Amino acid sequence: MDPEDDESTAWERGDHLPTDARRMGLSPLVPDGAILEFAGSLDSSKLSHRLVAWVLLVAFTLPVLFTVLRLLG
């Protein structure tokens, strides 16, 4: 593979961390930064990436929903 190719491979770390997150001191080496880096690297044109995004949305929303339901009930 020619090193001057602009194509990135799956195992290369991209620069998908938002500038606001970088300004707050997050990096891909800390858990919150790694989640943001991963979510930012998802491509909405791919079905598998959309499915992963929905699973992440459910995974992060369910604990909040259960907590609210427990407080109300």
C-alpha atoms as a PDB file:
ATOM      1  CA  MET A   1       0.000   0.000   0.000  1.00  0.00           C
ATOM      2  CA  ASP A   2       1.331   3.391  -0.978  1.00  0.00           C
ATOM      3  CA  PRO A   3       1.888   5.606   2.114  1.00  0.00           C
ATOM      4  CA  GLU A   4       0.652   8.602   0.155  1.00  0.00           C
ATOM      5  CA  ASP A   5      -2.842   7.162  -0.272  1.00  0.00           C
ATOM      6  CA  ASP A   6      -5.484   9.317   1.370  1.00  0.00           C
ATOM      7  CA  GLU A   7      -7.707   6.338   2.142  1.00  0.00           C
ATOM      8  CA  SER A   8      -7.897   5.516   5.833  1.00  0.00           C
ATOM      9  CA  THR A   9      -8.163   1.964   7.046  1.00  0.00           C
ATOM     10  CA  ALA A  10     -10.452   0.606   9.738  1.00  0.00           C
ATOM     11  CA  TRP A  11      -7.695   0.250  12.314  1.00  0.00           C
ATOM     12  CA  GLU A  12      -6.349   3.773  11.962  1.00  0.00           C
ATOM     13  CA  ARG A  13      -7.522   6.287  14.523  1.00  0.00           C
ATOM     14  CA  GLY A  14      -9.358   9.109  12.826  1.00  0.00           C
ATOM     15  CA  ASP A  15      -9.945  12.594  14.080  1.00  0.00           C
ATOM     16  CA  HIS A  16     -13.654  12.352  14.929  1.00  0.00           C
ATOM     17  CA  LEU A  17     -13.607  14.091  18.314  1.00  0.00           C
ATOM     18  CA  PRO A  18     -15.554  17.381  18.260  1.00  0.00           C
ATOM     19  CA  THR A  19     -13.552  20.540  18.852  1.00  0.00           C
ATOM     20  CA  ASP A  20     -15.684  21.419  21.898  1.00  0.00           C
ATOM     21  CA  ALA A  21     -14.771  18.091  23.487  1.00  0.00           C
ATOM     22  CA  ARG A  22     -11.081  18.657  22.765  1.00  0.00           C
ATOM     23  CA  ARG A  23     -11.330  22.137  24.262  1.00  0.00           C
ATOM     24  CA  MET A  24     -12.772  20.596  27.458  1.00  0.00           C
ATOM     25  CA  GLY A  25      -9.725  18.339  27.672  1.00  0.00           C
ATOM     26  CA  LEU A  26     -11.229  15.100  26.382  1.00  0.00           C
ATOM     27  CA  SER A  27      -9.150  12.782  24.265  1.00  0.00           C
ATOM     28  CA  PRO A  28      -9.727   9.302  22.823  1.00  0.00           C
ATOM     29  CA  LEU A  29      -7.636   7.959  25.711  1.00  0.00           C
ATOM     30  CA  VAL A  30     -10.299   8.692  28.366  1.00  0.00           C
ATOM     31  CA  PRO A  31     -13.635   6.805  28.481  1.00  0.00           C
ATOM     32  CA  ASP A  32     -15.901   9.762  27.665  1.00  0.00           C
ATOM     33  CA  GLY A  33     -13.635  10.869  24.846  1.00  0.00           C
ATOM     34  CA  ALA A  34     -13.453   7.336  23.474  1.00  0.00           C
ATOM     35  CA  ILE A  35     -17.250   7.117  23.325  1.00  0.00           C
ATOM     36  CA  LEU A  36     -17.431  10.456  21.526  1.00  0.00           C
ATOM     37  CA  GLU A  37     -14.665   9.375  19.131  1.00  0.00           C
ATOM     38  CA  PHE A  38     -16.495   6.112  18.396  1.00  0.00           C
ATOM     39  CA  ALA A  39     -19.874   7.792  17.906  1.00  0.00           C
ATOM     40  CA  GLY A  40     -18.309  10.436  15.678  1.00  0.00           C
ATOM     41  CA  SER A  41     -16.773   7.797  13.449  1.00  0.00           C
ATOM     42  CA  LEU A  42     -20.137   6.199  12.611  1.00  0.00           C
ATOM     43  CA  ASP A  43     -21.247   6.655   9.010  1.00  0.00           C
ATOM     44  CA  SER A  44     -24.985   7.201   8.553  1.00  0.00           C
ATOM     45  CA  SER A  45     -24.913   5.783   5.025  1.00  0.00           C
ATOM     46  CA  LYS A  46     -24.108   2.304   6.368  1.00  0.00           C
ATOM     47  CA  LEU A  47     -26.930   0.208   7.810  1.00  0.00           C
ATOM     48  CA  SER A  48     -24.734  -1.468  10.404  1.00  0.00           C
ATOM     49  CA  HIS A  49     -23.566   1.924  11.689  1.00  0.00           C
ATOM     50  CA  ARG A  50     -27.162   3.124  11.996  1.00  0.00           C
ATOM     51  CA  LEU A  51     -28.022  -0.012  13.974  1.00  0.00           C
ATOM     52  CA  VAL A  52     -25.065   0.566  16.293  1.00  0.00           C
ATOM     53  CA  ALA A  53     -26.193   4.170  16.803  1.00  0.00           C
ATOM     54  CA  TRP A  54     -29.687   3.000  17.794  1.00  0.00           C
ATOM     55  CA  VAL A  55     -28.259   0.424  20.202  1.00  0.00           C
ATOM     56  CA  LEU A  56     -26.080   3.124  21.791  1.00  0.00           C
ATOM     57  CA  LEU A  57     -29.078   5.434  22.061  1.00  0.00           C
ATOM     58  CA  VAL A  58     -31.109   2.749  23.825  1.00  0.00           C
ATOM     59  CA  ALA A  59     -28.190   1.780  26.069  1.00  0.00           C
ATOM     60  CA  PHE A  60     -27.717   5.353  27.275  1.00  0.00           C
ATOM     61  CA  THR A  61     -31.434   6.208  27.497  1.00  0.00           C
ATOM     62  CA  LEU A  62     -32.773   3.167  29.370  1.00  0.00           C
ATOM     63  CA  PRO A  63     -30.997   3.843  32.702  1.00  0.00           C
ATOM     64  CA  VAL A  64     -32.326   7.407  32.706  1.00  0.00           C
ATOM     65  CA  LEU A  65     -35.831   6.210  31.868  1.00  0.00           C
ATOM     66  CA  PHE A  66     -35.748   3.559  34.599  1.00  0.00           C
ATOM     67  CA  THR A  67     -34.528   6.109  37.151  1.00  0.00           C
ATOM     68  CA  VAL A  68     -37.317   8.534  36.254  1.00  0.00           C
ATOM     69  CA  LEU A  69     -39.916   5.762  36.440  1.00  0.00           C
ATOM     70  CA  ARG A  70     -38.592   4.670  39.832  1.00  0.00           C
ATOM     71  CA  LEU A  71     -38.768   8.239  41.154  1.00  0.00           C
ATOM     72  CA  LEU A  72     -42.314   8.697  39.867  1.00  0.00           C
ATOM     73  CA  GLY A  73     -43.581   5.324  41.023  1.00  0.00           C
END
